[in-house]
PDB file of N, CA and C in Angstrom:
ATOM      1  N   MET A   1     -46.979 -17.597 -13.547  1.00  0.00           N
ATOM      2  CA  MET A   1     -46.225 -18.678 -13.112  1.00  0.00           C
ATOM      3  C   MET A   1     -45.737 -18.396 -11.223  1.00  0.00           C
ATOM      4  N   ARG A   2     -45.965 -19.297 -10.834  1.00  0.00           N
ATOM      5  CA  ARG A   2     -45.792 -19.119  -9.473  1.00  0.00           C
ATOM      6  C   ARG A   2     -44.855 -19.697  -9.098  1.00  0.00           C
ATOM      7  N   ILE A   3     -44.063 -19.671  -8.037  1.00  0.00           N
ATOM      8  CA  ILE A   3     -42.641 -20.065  -7.694  1.00  0.00           C
ATOM      9  C   ILE A   3     -42.965 -20.524  -6.313  1.00  0.00           C
ATOM     10  N   ASN A   4     -42.541 -21.881  -6.091  1.00  0.00           N
ATOM     11  CA  ASN A   4     -42.606 -22.506  -4.610  1.00  0.00           C
ATOM     12  C   ASN A   4     -41.493 -22.127  -3.854  1.00  0.00           C
ATOM     13  N   ARG A   5     -42.096 -21.387  -2.478  1.00  0.00           N
ATOM     14  CA  ARG A   5     -41.195 -20.693  -1.770  1.00  0.00           C
ATOM     15  C   ARG A   5     -40.197 -21.548  -1.035  1.00  0.00           C
ATOM     16  N   TRP A   6     -40.273 -23.040  -0.980  1.00  0.00           N
ATOM     17  CA  TRP A   6     -39.575 -23.729  -0.304  1.00  0.00           C
ATOM     18  C   TRP A   6     -38.418 -24.084  -1.288  1.00  0.00           C
ATOM     19  N   VAL A   7     -38.615 -23.736  -2.780  1.00  0.00           N
ATOM     20  CA  VAL A   7     -37.359 -24.041  -3.864  1.00  0.00           C
ATOM     21  C   VAL A   7     -36.548 -22.556  -3.708  1.00  0.00           C
ATOM     22  N   ALA A   8     -37.624 -21.496  -4.058  1.00  0.00           N
ATOM     23  CA  ALA A   8     -36.838 -20.002  -3.979  1.00  0.00           C
ATOM     24  C   ALA A   8     -35.894 -19.564  -3.081  1.00  0.00           C
ATOM     25  N   ALA A   9     -36.211 -20.107  -1.491  1.00  0.00           N
ATOM     26  CA  ALA A   9     -35.417 -19.752  -0.261  1.00  0.00           C
ATOM     27  C   ALA A   9     -34.237 -20.179  -0.641  1.00  0.00           C
ATOM     28  N   PRO A  10     -33.609 -21.546  -0.865  1.00  0.00           N
ATOM     29  CA  PRO A  10     -32.594 -21.916  -0.871  1.00  0.00           C
ATOM     30  C   PRO A  10     -31.774 -21.040  -2.151  1.00  0.00           C
ATOM     31  N   CYS A  11     -32.122 -20.997  -2.829  1.00  0.00           N
ATOM     32  CA  CYS A  11     -31.652 -20.703  -4.280  1.00  0.00           C
ATOM     33  C   CYS A  11     -30.988 -18.992  -3.610  1.00  0.00           C
ATOM     34  N   ILE A  12     -32.248 -18.154  -2.966  1.00  0.00           N
ATOM     35  CA  ILE A  12     -31.481 -17.182  -2.758  1.00  0.00           C
ATOM     36  C   ILE A  12     -30.255 -17.005  -1.837  1.00  0.00           C
ATOM     37  N   VAL A  13     -30.858 -17.985  -0.749  1.00  0.00           N
ATOM     38  CA  VAL A  13     -29.190 -18.325   0.247  1.00  0.00           C
ATOM     39  C   VAL A  13     -27.847 -18.452  -0.537  1.00  0.00           C
ATOM     40  N   SER A  14     -28.316 -19.512  -1.383  1.00  0.00           N
ATOM     41  CA  SER A  14     -27.231 -19.741  -2.235  1.00  0.00           C
ATOM     42  C   SER A  14     -26.260 -18.538  -3.201  1.00  0.00           C
ATOM     43  N   VAL A  15     -27.153 -17.894  -3.732  1.00  0.00           N
ATOM     44  CA  VAL A  15     -26.286 -16.995  -4.261  1.00  0.00           C
ATOM     45  C   VAL A  15     -26.062 -15.749  -3.520  1.00  0.00           C
ATOM     46  N   LEU A  16     -26.630 -15.524  -2.243  1.00  0.00           N
ATOM     47  CA  LEU A  16     -25.714 -14.565  -1.181  1.00  0.00           C
ATOM     48  C   LEU A  16     -24.772 -15.248  -0.693  1.00  0.00           C
ATOM     49  N   ALA A  17     -24.786 -16.426  -0.728  1.00  0.00           N
ATOM     50  CA  ALA A  17     -23.220 -17.018   0.186  1.00  0.00           C
ATOM     51  C   ALA A  17     -22.208 -16.746  -1.046  1.00  0.00           C
ATOM     52  N   ALA A  18     -22.480 -17.116  -2.314  1.00  0.00           N
ATOM     53  CA  ALA A  18     -21.686 -17.080  -3.452  1.00  0.00           C
ATOM     54  C   ALA A  18     -21.119 -15.739  -3.604  1.00  0.00           C
ATOM     55  N   THR A  19     -22.028 -14.407  -3.374  1.00  0.00           N
ATOM     56  CA  THR A  19     -21.423 -12.919  -3.628  1.00  0.00           C
ATOM     57  C   THR A  19     -20.827 -12.712  -2.275  1.00  0.00           C
ATOM     58  N   VAL A  20     -20.939 -13.355  -1.145  1.00  0.00           N
ATOM     59  CA  VAL A  20     -20.109 -13.059   0.094  1.00  0.00           C
ATOM     60  C   VAL A  20     -18.693 -13.717  -0.093  1.00  0.00           C
ATOM     61  N   LEU A  21     -18.483 -15.061  -0.587  1.00  0.00           N
ATOM     62  CA  LEU A  21     -17.201 -15.298  -0.692  1.00  0.00           C
ATOM     63  C   LEU A  21     -16.597 -15.011  -1.643  1.00  0.00           C
ATOM     64  N   VAL A  22     -17.360 -14.586  -2.860  1.00  0.00           N
ATOM     65  CA  VAL A  22     -16.245 -13.889  -4.120  1.00  0.00           C
ATOM     66  C   VAL A  22     -15.967 -12.511  -3.769  1.00  0.00           C
ATOM     67  N   GLY A  23     -16.566 -11.579  -2.967  1.00  0.00           N
ATOM     68  CA  GLY A  23     -16.261 -10.673  -2.432  1.00  0.00           C
ATOM     69  C   GLY A  23     -15.253 -10.671  -1.503  1.00  0.00           C
ATOM     70  N   THR A  24     -15.244 -11.569  -0.839  1.00  0.00           N
ATOM     71  CA  THR A  24     -14.237 -11.867   0.308  1.00  0.00           C
ATOM     72  C   THR A  24     -12.804 -11.881  -0.448  1.00  0.00           C
ATOM     73  N   ALA A  25     -12.961 -13.070  -1.333  1.00  0.00           N
ATOM     74  CA  ALA A  25     -11.455 -13.963  -2.121  1.00  0.00           C
ATOM     75  C   ALA A  25     -11.070 -12.754  -2.968  1.00  0.00           C
ATOM     76  N   SER A  26     -11.679 -11.597  -3.452  1.00  0.00           N
ATOM     77  CA  SER A  26     -11.237 -10.533  -4.112  1.00  0.00           C
ATOM     78  C   SER A  26     -10.930  -9.568  -3.561  1.00  0.00           C
ATOM     79  N   ASN A  27     -11.152  -9.426  -2.350  1.00  0.00           N
ATOM     80  CA  ASN A  27     -10.671  -8.216  -1.119  1.00  0.00           C
ATOM     81  C   ASN A  27      -9.377  -8.998  -0.829  1.00  0.00           C
ATOM     82  N   ALA A  28      -8.969 -10.332  -0.253  1.00  0.00           N
ATOM     83  CA  ALA A  28      -7.999 -10.726   0.140  1.00  0.00           C
ATOM     84  C   ALA A  28      -6.882 -10.450  -0.972  1.00  0.00           C
ATOM     85  N   ALA A  29      -7.058 -10.968  -2.108  1.00  0.00           N
ATOM     86  CA  ALA A  29      -6.090 -11.189  -3.124  1.00  0.00           C
ATOM     87  C   ALA A  29      -5.924  -9.768  -3.691  1.00  0.00           C
ATOM     88  N   ALA A  30      -6.535  -8.854  -3.257  1.00  0.00           N
ATOM     89  CA  ALA A  30      -5.835  -7.457  -3.652  1.00  0.00           C
ATOM     90  C   ALA A  30      -4.763  -6.750  -2.930  1.00  0.00           C
ATOM     91  N   ILE A  31      -4.340  -7.356  -1.956  1.00  0.00           N
ATOM     92  CA  ILE A  31      -3.649  -6.841  -0.794  1.00  0.00           C
ATOM     93  C   ILE A  31      -2.029  -7.312  -1.258  1.00  0.00           C
ATOM     94  N   PRO A  32      -1.027  -6.612  -1.370  1.00  0.00           N
ATOM     95  CA  PRO A  32       0.156  -6.581  -2.032  1.00  0.00           C
ATOM     96  C   PRO A  32       0.651  -7.416  -0.576  1.00  0.00           C
ATOM     97  N   SER A  33       1.853  -8.327  -0.638  1.00  0.00           N
ATOM     98  CA  SER A  33       2.647  -8.823  -0.128  1.00  0.00           C
ATOM     99  C   SER A  33       4.033  -8.891  -0.059  1.00  0.00           C
ATOM    100  N   GLY A  34       4.859  -9.569   0.592  1.00  0.00           N
ATOM    101  CA  GLY A  34       6.068  -9.490   0.511  1.00  0.00           C
ATOM    102  C   GLY A  34       6.762  -8.401   0.421  1.00  0.00           C
ATOM    103  N   CYS A  35       6.471  -7.109   1.163  1.00  0.00           N
ATOM    104  CA  CYS A  35       7.019  -5.882   0.883  1.00  0.00           C
ATOM    105  C   CYS A  35       8.209  -5.685   1.883  1.00  0.00           C
ATOM    106  N   THR A  36       9.044  -4.781   1.238  1.00  0.00           N
ATOM    107  CA  THR A  36      10.307  -4.523   1.963  1.00  0.00           C
ATOM    108  C   THR A  36      10.879  -3.042   1.644  1.00  0.00           C
ATOM    109  N   ILE A  37      11.263  -2.519   2.595  1.00  0.00           N
ATOM    110  CA  ILE A  37      11.826  -1.108   2.611  1.00  0.00           C
ATOM    111  C   ILE A  37      13.317  -0.988   2.365  1.00  0.00           C
ATOM    112  N   SER A  38      13.403  -0.171   1.835  1.00  0.00           N
ATOM    113  CA  SER A  38      14.934  -0.093   1.513  1.00  0.00           C
ATOM    114  C   SER A  38      15.530   1.625   1.282  1.00  0.00           C
ATOM    115  N   TYR A  39      16.749   1.976   1.362  1.00  0.00           N
ATOM    116  CA  TYR A  39      17.106   3.067   1.753  1.00  0.00           C
ATOM    117  C   TYR A  39      18.404   3.093   0.613  1.00  0.00           C
ATOM    118  N   GLY A  40      18.577   4.760  -0.110  1.00  0.00           N
ATOM    119  CA  GLY A  40      19.605   4.828  -1.138  1.00  0.00           C
ATOM    120  C   GLY A  40      19.752   6.159  -1.201  1.00  0.00           C
ATOM    121  N   SER A  41      20.559   6.257  -2.597  1.00  0.00           N
ATOM    122  CA  SER A  41      20.409   7.892  -2.949  1.00  0.00           C
ATOM    123  C   SER A  41      20.461   7.971  -4.600  1.00  0.00           C
ATOM    124  N   GLN A  42      20.137   9.045  -4.818  1.00  0.00           N
ATOM    125  CA  GLN A  42      19.608   9.186  -6.152  1.00  0.00           C
ATOM    126  C   GLN A  42      20.491  10.330  -6.711  1.00  0.00           C
ATOM    127  N   PRO A  43      20.786  10.677  -7.903  1.00  0.00           N
ATOM    128  CA  PRO A  43      21.669  11.934  -8.171  1.00  0.00           C
ATOM    129  C   PRO A  43      20.599  12.994  -8.454  1.00  0.00           C
ATOM    130  N   ARG A  44      20.910  13.893  -8.309  1.00  0.00           N
ATOM    131  CA  ARG A  44      20.111  15.429  -8.382  1.00  0.00           C
ATOM    132  C   ARG A  44      20.514  15.864  -9.650  1.00  0.00           C
ATOM    133  N   PRO A  45      19.460  16.462 -10.304  1.00  0.00           N
ATOM    134  CA  PRO A  45      19.788  17.125 -11.842  1.00  0.00           C
ATOM    135  C   PRO A  45      20.985  18.101 -11.865  1.00  0.00           C
ATOM    136  N   GLY A  46      21.159  18.668 -10.600  1.00  0.00           N
ATOM    137  CA  GLY A  46      21.889  20.090 -10.627  1.00  0.00           C
ATOM    138  C   GLY A  46      23.395  19.408 -10.007  1.00  0.00           C
ATOM    139  N   GLY A  47      23.531  18.332  -9.849  1.00  0.00           N
ATOM    140  CA  GLY A  47      24.595  17.449  -8.991  1.00  0.00           C
ATOM    141  C   GLY A  47      24.275  17.441  -7.849  1.00  0.00           C
ATOM    142  N   GLY A  48      25.167  16.494  -7.210  1.00  0.00           N
ATOM    143  CA  GLY A  48      25.052  15.990  -5.917  1.00  0.00           C
ATOM    144  C   GLY A  48      23.899  14.760  -5.479  1.00  0.00           C
ATOM    145  N   THR A  49      23.576  14.496  -4.851  1.00  0.00           N
ATOM    146  CA  THR A  49      22.744  13.404  -4.477  1.00  0.00           C
ATOM    147  C   THR A  49      21.726  13.377  -3.402  1.00  0.00           C
ATOM    148  N   GLN A  50      20.362  12.737  -3.538  1.00  0.00           N
ATOM    149  CA  GLN A  50      19.656  13.211  -2.846  1.00  0.00           C
ATOM    150  C   GLN A  50      19.348  11.479  -1.804  1.00  0.00           C
ATOM    151  N   ALA A  51      18.995  11.514  -0.689  1.00  0.00           N
ATOM    152  CA  ALA A  51      18.597  10.550   0.024  1.00  0.00           C
ATOM    153  C   ALA A  51      17.308  10.072  -0.243  1.00  0.00           C
ATOM    154  N   THR A  52      17.273   8.597  -0.406  1.00  0.00           N
ATOM    155  CA  THR A  52      15.602   8.230  -0.559  1.00  0.00           C
ATOM    156  C   THR A  52      15.102   6.967   0.091  1.00  0.00           C
ATOM    157  N   ALA A  53      14.001   6.768   0.348  1.00  0.00           N
ATOM    158  CA  ALA A  53      13.390   5.663   0.741  1.00  0.00           C
ATOM    159  C   ALA A  53      12.651   5.044  -0.525  1.00  0.00           C
ATOM    160  N   SER A  54      12.629   3.738  -0.179  1.00  0.00           N
ATOM    161  CA  SER A  54      11.783   3.014  -1.263  1.00  0.00           C
ATOM    162  C   SER A  54      11.052   1.946  -0.269  1.00  0.00           C
ATOM    163  N   SER A  55       9.734   1.721  -1.353  1.00  0.00           N
ATOM    164  CA  SER A  55       9.136   0.183  -0.521  1.00  0.00           C
ATOM    165  C   SER A  55       9.014  -0.507  -1.784  1.00  0.00           C
ATOM    166  N   PHE A  56       9.148  -1.861  -1.966  1.00  0.00           N
ATOM    167  CA  PHE A  56       8.979  -2.938  -2.915  1.00  0.00           C
ATOM    168  C   PHE A  56       7.879  -3.916  -2.601  1.00  0.00           C
ATOM    169  N   CYS A  57       6.974  -4.346  -3.129  1.00  0.00           N
ATOM    170  CA  CYS A  57       6.299  -5.670  -2.978  1.00  0.00           C
ATOM    171  C   CYS A  57       6.226  -6.697  -3.821  1.00  0.00           C
ATOM    172  N   ALA A  58       6.450  -7.621  -3.728  1.00  0.00           N
ATOM    173  CA  ALA A  58       6.673  -8.976  -4.696  1.00  0.00           C
ATOM    174  C   ALA A  58       5.492  -9.452  -5.059  1.00  0.00           C
ATOM    175  N   SER A  59       4.683  -9.690  -4.439  1.00  0.00           N
ATOM    176  CA  SER A  59       3.446 -10.476  -4.807  1.00  0.00           C
ATOM    177  C   SER A  59       2.087  -9.913  -4.158  1.00  0.00           C
ATOM    178  N   GLY A  60       1.169 -10.758  -4.690  1.00  0.00           N
ATOM    179  CA  GLY A  60      -0.361  -9.968  -4.829  1.00  0.00           C
ATOM    180  C   GLY A  60      -0.726  -8.908  -5.610  1.00  0.00           C
ATOM    181  N   THR A  61      -1.742  -8.304  -5.233  1.00  0.00           N
ATOM    182  CA  THR A  61      -2.100  -7.471  -6.483  1.00  0.00           C
ATOM    183  C   THR A  61      -2.475  -6.098  -5.667  1.00  0.00           C
ATOM    184  N   GLY A  62      -2.817  -5.060  -6.586  1.00  0.00           N
ATOM    185  CA  GLY A  62      -3.468  -3.687  -5.851  1.00  0.00           C
ATOM    186  C   GLY A  62      -2.099  -2.944  -6.068  1.00  0.00           C
ATOM    187  N   GLU A  63      -1.813  -1.842  -5.040  1.00  0.00           N
ATOM    188  CA  GLU A  63      -1.044  -1.055  -5.072  1.00  0.00           C
ATOM    189  C   GLU A  63      -0.103  -0.740  -3.545  1.00  0.00           C
ATOM    190  N   HIS A  64       0.934  -0.148  -3.726  1.00  0.00           N
ATOM    191  CA  HIS A  64       1.805   0.263  -2.286  1.00  0.00           C
ATOM    192  C   HIS A  64       2.468   1.546  -2.778  1.00  0.00           C
ATOM    193  N   ARG A  65       2.775   2.000  -1.438  1.00  0.00           N
ATOM    194  CA  ARG A  65       3.747   3.239  -1.390  1.00  0.00           C
ATOM    195  C   ARG A  65       4.573   3.572  -0.194  1.00  0.00           C
ATOM    196  N   ILE A  66       5.514   4.035  -0.086  1.00  0.00           N
ATOM    197  CA  ILE A  66       6.842   4.193   0.969  1.00  0.00           C
ATOM    198  C   ILE A  66       5.946   5.533   1.779  1.00  0.00           C
ATOM    199  N   TYR A  67       5.749   5.353   2.827  1.00  0.00           N
ATOM    200  CA  TYR A  67       5.591   6.282   3.618  1.00  0.00           C
ATOM    201  C   TYR A  67       6.694   6.661   5.082  1.00  0.00           C
ATOM    202  N   VAL A  68       7.106   7.892   4.909  1.00  0.00           N
ATOM    203  CA  VAL A  68       8.248   8.093   5.941  1.00  0.00           C
ATOM    204  C   VAL A  68       8.080   9.232   7.207  1.00  0.00           C
ATOM    205  N   ARG A  69       7.982   9.149   8.182  1.00  0.00           N
ATOM    206  CA  ARG A  69       7.724  10.477   9.038  1.00  0.00           C
ATOM    207  C   ARG A  69       9.208  10.663   9.653  1.00  0.00           C
ATOM    208  N   GLN A  70       9.661  11.899   9.540  1.00  0.00           N
ATOM    209  CA  GLN A  70      11.061  12.263  10.179  1.00  0.00           C
ATOM    210  C   GLN A  70      10.989  13.399  11.319  1.00  0.00           C
ATOM    211  N   GLN A  71      11.566  13.208  11.991  1.00  0.00           N
ATOM    212  CA  GLN A  71      11.564  14.715  13.096  1.00  0.00           C
ATOM    213  C   GLN A  71      12.689  15.327  12.883  1.00  0.00           C
ATOM    214  N   HIS A  72      12.554  16.701  12.747  1.00  0.00           N
ATOM    215  CA  HIS A  72      13.248  17.935  12.561  1.00  0.00           C
ATOM    216  C   HIS A  72      14.259  18.080  13.527  1.00  0.00           C
ATOM    217  N   PHE A  73      15.227  18.367  13.182  1.00  0.00           N
ATOM    218  CA  PHE A  73      16.353  18.746  14.168  1.00  0.00           C
ATOM    219  C   PHE A  73      15.869  19.780  15.482  1.00  0.00           C
ATOM    220  N   ASP A  74      15.412  20.348  14.821  1.00  0.00           N
ATOM    221  CA  ASP A  74      14.433  21.716  15.928  1.00  0.00           C
ATOM    222  C   ASP A  74      12.970  21.052  16.003  1.00  0.00           C
ATOM    223  N   PRO A  75      12.705  20.497  17.456  1.00  0.00           N
ATOM    224  CA  PRO A  75      11.425  19.933  17.451  1.00  0.00           C
ATOM    225  C   PRO A  75      10.361  20.667  17.561  1.00  0.00           C
ATOM    226  N   SER A  76      10.634  21.973  17.532  1.00  0.00           N
ATOM    227  CA  SER A  76       9.307  23.234  17.189  1.00  0.00           C
ATOM    228  C   SER A  76       9.028  23.297  15.891  1.00  0.00           C
ATOM    229  N   ALA A  77       9.647  22.639  14.828  1.00  0.00           N
ATOM    230  CA  ALA A  77       9.314  22.796  13.412  1.00  0.00           C
ATOM    231  C   ALA A  77       8.571  21.615  13.288  1.00  0.00           C
ATOM    232  N   GLY A  78       8.086  20.625  14.239  1.00  0.00           N
ATOM    233  CA  GLY A  78       7.210  19.978  13.848  1.00  0.00           C
ATOM    234  C   GLY A  78       7.877  18.476  13.032  1.00  0.00           C
ATOM    235  N   PRO A  79       6.928  17.452  12.461  1.00  0.00           N
ATOM    236  CA  PRO A  79       7.342  16.248  11.846  1.00  0.00           C
ATOM    237  C   PRO A  79       7.441  16.650  10.218  1.00  0.00           C
ATOM    238  N   ILE A  80       8.180  15.890   9.634  1.00  0.00           N
ATOM    239  CA  ILE A  80       8.651  15.938   8.407  1.00  0.00           C
ATOM    240  C   ILE A  80       7.892  14.597   7.621  1.00  0.00           C
ATOM    241  N   VAL A  81       6.861  14.668   6.606  1.00  0.00           N
ATOM    242  CA  VAL A  81       6.331  13.661   6.201  1.00  0.00           C
ATOM    243  C   VAL A  81       6.789  13.286   4.942  1.00  0.00           C
ATOM    244  N   CYS A  82       7.254  12.254   4.337  1.00  0.00           N
ATOM    245  CA  CYS A  82       7.745  12.211   3.153  1.00  0.00           C
ATOM    246  C   CYS A  82       6.979  10.848   2.381  1.00  0.00           C
ATOM    247  N   ILE A  83       6.105  11.013   1.191  1.00  0.00           N
ATOM    248  CA  ILE A  83       5.190   9.973   0.955  1.00  0.00           C
ATOM    249  C   ILE A  83       5.609   9.993  -1.064  1.00  0.00           C
ATOM    250  N   GLY A  84       6.007   8.287  -1.020  1.00  0.00           N
ATOM    251  CA  GLY A  84       6.240   8.118  -2.643  1.00  0.00           C
ATOM    252  C   GLY A  84       4.638   7.684  -3.083  1.00  0.00           C
ATOM    253  N   PRO A  85       4.485   7.861  -4.476  1.00  0.00           N
ATOM    254  CA  PRO A  85       3.616   7.432  -5.215  1.00  0.00           C
ATOM    255  C   PRO A  85       3.137   6.065  -4.841  1.00  0.00           C
ATOM    256  N   TRP A  86       1.654   6.113  -5.585  1.00  0.00           N
ATOM    257  CA  TRP A  86       1.068   4.488  -5.706  1.00  0.00           C
ATOM    258  C   TRP A  86       1.412   4.099  -6.802  1.00  0.00           C
ATOM    259  N   VAL A  87       2.233   2.685  -6.617  1.00  0.00           N
ATOM    260  CA  VAL A  87       2.733   1.980  -7.668  1.00  0.00           C
ATOM    261  C   VAL A  87       2.184   0.599  -7.748  1.00  0.00           C
ATOM    262  N   PRO A  88       2.121  -0.290  -8.817  1.00  0.00           N
ATOM    263  CA  PRO A  88       1.666  -1.455  -8.904  1.00  0.00           C
ATOM    264  C   PRO A  88       2.528  -2.269  -7.931  1.00  0.00           C
ATOM    265  N   VAL A  89       2.601  -3.905  -7.394  1.00  0.00           N
ATOM    266  CA  VAL A  89       3.485  -4.701  -6.886  1.00  0.00           C
ATOM    267  C   VAL A  89       4.178  -5.065  -8.177  1.00  0.00           C
ATOM    268  N   GLY A  90       5.084  -5.062  -7.619  1.00  0.00           N
ATOM    269  CA  GLY A  90       6.754  -5.449  -8.555  1.00  0.00           C
ATOM    270  C   GLY A  90       7.161  -4.293  -9.439  1.00  0.00           C
ATOM    271  N   SER A  91       6.645  -2.995  -8.650  1.00  0.00           N
ATOM    272  CA  SER A  91       7.349  -1.908  -8.966  1.00  0.00           C
ATOM    273  C   SER A  91       7.874  -0.880  -7.575  1.00  0.00           C
ATOM    274  N   TYR A  92       8.829  -0.499  -7.705  1.00  0.00           N
ATOM    275  CA  TYR A  92       9.162   0.473  -6.557  1.00  0.00           C
ATOM    276  C   TYR A  92       8.730   2.025  -6.482  1.00  0.00           C
ATOM    277  N   SER A  93       8.381   2.284  -5.225  1.00  0.00           N
ATOM    278  CA  SER A  93       7.495   3.698  -4.775  1.00  0.00           C
ATOM    279  C   SER A  93       8.812   4.354  -4.168  1.00  0.00           C
ATOM    280  N   THR A  94       9.184   5.287  -4.403  1.00  0.00           N
ATOM    281  CA  THR A  94      10.499   5.845  -4.068  1.00  0.00           C
ATOM    282  C   THR A  94      10.130   7.278  -3.909  1.00  0.00           C
ATOM    283  N   THR A  95      10.741   7.706  -2.518  1.00  0.00           N
ATOM    284  CA  THR A  95      10.504   9.164  -1.965  1.00  0.00           C
ATOM    285  C   THR A  95      11.892   9.817  -1.644  1.00  0.00           C
ATOM    286  N   GLY A  96      12.092  11.119  -1.353  1.00  0.00           N
ATOM    287  CA  GLY A  96      13.165  11.828  -1.394  1.00  0.00           C
ATOM    288  C   GLY A  96      13.114  11.949   0.045  1.00  0.00           C
ATOM    289  N   ILE A  97      14.065  11.760   0.915  1.00  0.00           N
ATOM    290  CA  ILE A  97      14.115  12.000   2.563  1.00  0.00           C
ATOM    291  C   ILE A  97      15.114  12.932   2.979  1.00  0.00           C
ATOM    292  N   THR A  98      14.899  13.420   3.845  1.00  0.00           N
ATOM    293  CA  THR A  98      16.052  14.731   4.077  1.00  0.00           C
ATOM    294  C   THR A  98      16.860  13.717   5.431  1.00  0.00           C
ATOM    295  N   PRO A  99      18.044  14.925   6.000  1.00  0.00           N
ATOM    296  CA  PRO A  99      19.152  14.259   6.755  1.00  0.00           C
ATOM    297  C   PRO A  99      18.394  14.104   8.106  1.00  0.00           C
ATOM    298  N   HIS A 100      17.443  14.567   8.558  1.00  0.00           N
ATOM    299  CA  HIS A 100      16.636  14.231   9.866  1.00  0.00           C
ATOM    300  C   HIS A 100      16.511  13.116  10.602  1.00  0.00           C
ATOM    301  N   THR A 101      16.107  12.911  11.653  1.00  0.00           N
ATOM    302  CA  THR A 101      16.032  11.493  12.217  1.00  0.00           C
ATOM    303  C   THR A 101      14.428  11.063  11.440  1.00  0.00           C
ATOM    304  N   ILE A 102      14.842   9.586  11.250  1.00  0.00           N
ATOM    305  CA  ILE A 102      13.611   8.781  10.874  1.00  0.00           C
ATOM    306  C   ILE A 102      12.813   7.913  12.146  1.00  0.00           C
ATOM    307  N   VAL A 103      11.501   8.670  12.173  1.00  0.00           N
ATOM    308  CA  VAL A 103      10.766   8.430  13.382  1.00  0.00           C
ATOM    309  C   VAL A 103       9.799   7.022  13.037  1.00  0.00           C
ATOM    310  N   GLU A 104       9.481   6.640  11.521  1.00  0.00           N
ATOM    311  CA  GLU A 104       8.547   5.860  11.273  1.00  0.00           C
ATOM    312  C   GLU A 104       8.884   5.872   9.859  1.00  0.00           C
ATOM    313  N   ALA A 105       8.700   4.292   9.424  1.00  0.00           N
ATOM    314  CA  ALA A 105       8.951   4.467   7.975  1.00  0.00           C
ATOM    315  C   ALA A 105       7.815   2.966   7.540  1.00  0.00           C
ATOM    316  N   ARG A 106       6.955   3.258   7.165  1.00  0.00           N
ATOM    317  CA  ARG A 106       5.995   1.787   6.764  1.00  0.00           C
ATOM    318  C   ARG A 106       6.045   1.568   5.074  1.00  0.00           C
ATOM    319  N   VAL A 107       5.054   0.645   4.450  1.00  0.00           N
ATOM    320  CA  VAL A 107       4.599   0.442   3.531  1.00  0.00           C
ATOM    321  C   VAL A 107       3.243   0.292   3.585  1.00  0.00           C
ATOM    322  N   GLU A 108       2.412   1.452   2.955  1.00  0.00           N
ATOM    323  CA  GLU A 108       0.989   1.702   2.697  1.00  0.00           C
ATOM    324  C   GLU A 108       0.400   0.671   1.502  1.00  0.00           C
ATOM    325  N   THR A 109      -0.579   0.142   1.780  1.00  0.00           N
ATOM    326  CA  THR A 109      -0.982  -0.845   0.786  1.00  0.00           C
ATOM    327  C   THR A 109      -2.763  -0.735   0.295  1.00  0.00           C
ATOM    328  N   ARG A 110      -3.104  -1.151  -0.466  1.00  0.00           N
ATOM    329  CA  ARG A 110      -4.338  -0.509  -1.193  1.00  0.00           C
ATOM    330  C   ARG A 110      -4.782  -1.772  -2.261  1.00  0.00           C
TER     331      ARG A 110
END
């Protein structure tokens, strides 16, 4: 059976265009949005409290986590990086932080 090339070419172009559109839509929909950062504290098992930083994303799909970079009181000690776990949208990603200066806090998404 022989296929007319004038019929086959537009079909192939249509399939490729649909593939690009579907791939683009799924990537855009996978990005969490409406994300916020908050600070608080949690009780420690042995007593006292632990300072925390959290991220929360209200919409979209995919995952997010909190990332905090702090500067140690002694500059020669280098940065302190605190990272929370990857969690789905609608959940809190929380990490303990130190009493040192916060240089950067952001929500990472994937």
